[in-house]
C-alpha atoms as a PDB file:
ATOM      1  CA  MET A   1     170.597 -24.717 -84.123  1.00  0.00           C
ATOM      2  CA  SER A   2     171.965 -21.477 -85.471  1.00  0.00           C
ATOM      3  CA  SER A   3     173.993 -19.435 -83.085  1.00  0.00           C
ATOM      4  CA  GLY A   4     171.931 -17.013 -81.045  1.00  0.00           C
ATOM      5  CA  THR A   5     168.499 -18.551 -81.678  1.00  0.00           C
ATOM      6  CA  THR A   6     168.238 -20.808 -78.625  1.00  0.00           C
ATOM      7  CA  ASP A   7     167.180 -18.032 -76.250  1.00  0.00           C
ATOM      8  CA  LEU A   8     164.538 -16.459 -78.498  1.00  0.00           C
ATOM      9  CA  ALA A   9     160.810 -16.485 -77.693  1.00  0.00           C
ATOM     10  CA  TRP A  10     159.376 -18.832 -80.349  1.00  0.00           C
ATOM     11  CA  PHE A  11     155.668 -18.981 -81.166  1.00  0.00           C
ATOM     12  CA  LYS A  12     153.297 -20.606 -83.655  1.00  0.00           C
ATOM     13  CA  SER A  13     150.501 -18.900 -85.510  1.00  0.00           C
ATOM     14  CA  SER A  14     147.069 -18.959 -83.913  1.00  0.00           C
ATOM     15  CA  TYR A  15     146.007 -20.677 -87.161  1.00  0.00           C
ATOM     16  CA  SER A  16     148.205 -23.697 -86.382  1.00  0.00           C
ATOM     17  CA  GLY A  17     146.355 -26.844 -85.445  1.00  0.00           C
ATOM     18  CA  SER A  18     146.788 -28.624 -82.132  1.00  0.00           C
ATOM     19  CA  GLU A  19     148.048 -31.820 -83.805  1.00  0.00           C
ATOM     20  CA  GLY A  20     151.507 -30.318 -84.312  1.00  0.00           C
ATOM     21  CA  ASP A  21     151.769 -31.235 -87.986  1.00  0.00           C
ATOM     22  CA  ASP A  22     153.284 -29.012 -90.668  1.00  0.00           C
ATOM     23  CA  CYS A  23     153.810 -25.944 -88.506  1.00  0.00           C
ATOM     24  CA  VAL A  24     156.501 -23.345 -88.398  1.00  0.00           C
ATOM     25  CA  GLU A  25     157.455 -21.172 -85.461  1.00  0.00           C
ATOM     26  CA  ILE A  26     158.787 -17.643 -85.608  1.00  0.00           C
ATOM     27  CA  ALA A  27     160.784 -15.511 -83.225  1.00  0.00           C
ATOM     28  CA  ILE A  28     161.049 -11.776 -83.707  1.00  0.00           C
ATOM     29  CA  ALA A  29     164.346 -10.169 -82.810  1.00  0.00           C
ATOM     30  CA  GLU A  30     165.458  -6.551 -83.102  1.00  0.00           C
ATOM     31  CA  GLN A  31     167.165  -6.968 -86.490  1.00  0.00           C
ATOM     32  CA  ALA A  32     165.557 -10.114 -87.915  1.00  0.00           C
ATOM     33  CA  VAL A  33     162.730 -12.626 -87.904  1.00  0.00           C
ATOM     34  CA  HIS A  34     163.719 -16.255 -87.372  1.00  0.00           C
ATOM     35  CA  VAL A  35     161.667 -19.157 -88.742  1.00  0.00           C
ATOM     36  CA  ARG A  36     162.014 -22.825 -87.810  1.00  0.00           C
ATOM     37  CA  ASP A  37     160.261 -26.157 -88.298  1.00  0.00           C
ATOM     38  CA  SER A  38     158.271 -26.848 -85.125  1.00  0.00           C
ATOM     39  CA  LYS A  39     158.614 -30.603 -85.648  1.00  0.00           C
ATOM     40  CA  ASP A  40     162.435 -30.496 -85.733  1.00  0.00           C
ATOM     41  CA  VAL A  41     163.756 -27.556 -83.731  1.00  0.00           C
ATOM     42  CA  SER A  42     167.285 -28.989 -83.858  1.00  0.00           C
ATOM     43  CA  ARG A  43     167.592 -27.899 -87.501  1.00  0.00           C
ATOM     44  CA  PRO A  44     168.969 -24.415 -88.199  1.00  0.00           C
ATOM     45  CA  ALA A  45     166.457 -21.589 -88.293  1.00  0.00           C
ATOM     46  CA  PHE A  46     165.917 -19.499 -91.421  1.00  0.00           C
ATOM     47  CA  THR A  47     166.552 -15.810 -90.770  1.00  0.00           C
ATOM     48  CA  ALA A  48     165.069 -12.881 -92.681  1.00  0.00           C
ATOM     49  CA  GLY A  49     165.671  -9.183 -92.177  1.00  0.00           C
ATOM     50  CA  GLN A  50     162.746  -7.104 -90.920  1.00  0.00           C
ATOM     51  CA  GLU A  51     162.066  -5.559 -94.355  1.00  0.00           C
ATOM     52  CA  GLY A  52     162.339  -8.890 -96.154  1.00  0.00           C
ATOM     53  CA  TRP A  53     159.879 -10.422 -93.692  1.00  0.00           C
ATOM     54  CA  ALA A  54     157.483  -7.498 -94.138  1.00  0.00           C
ATOM     55  CA  GLN A  55     157.581  -7.957 -97.926  1.00  0.00           C
ATOM     56  CA  PHE A  56     156.905 -11.690 -97.512  1.00  0.00           C
ATOM     57  CA  VAL A  57     153.878 -11.039 -95.266  1.00  0.00           C
ATOM     58  CA  ARG A  58     152.516  -8.420 -97.689  1.00  0.00           C
ATOM     59  CA  PHE A  59     152.901 -10.915-100.539  1.00  0.00           C
ATOM     60  CA  LEU A  60     150.974 -13.575 -98.594  1.00  0.00           C
ATOM     61  CA  ALA A  61     148.210 -11.096 -97.780  1.00  0.00           C
ATOM     62  CA  ASP A  62     147.752 -10.457-101.512  1.00  0.00           C
ATOM     63  CA  VAL A  63     147.597 -14.146-102.502  1.00  0.00           C
END
């Protein structure tokens, strides 16, 4: 896992199903938002800056 992401507070969306399939988890840190595959947490997390994450969420809201 990427350095510094093991001690973050990870959570799934309330829209995620209870079966555990095809979900991502996010952890919000002071300078970035980290995203990982909930089925394989040993893989490195994707990291986006706060502004990049905000743009991504705005884009999804408009879709």
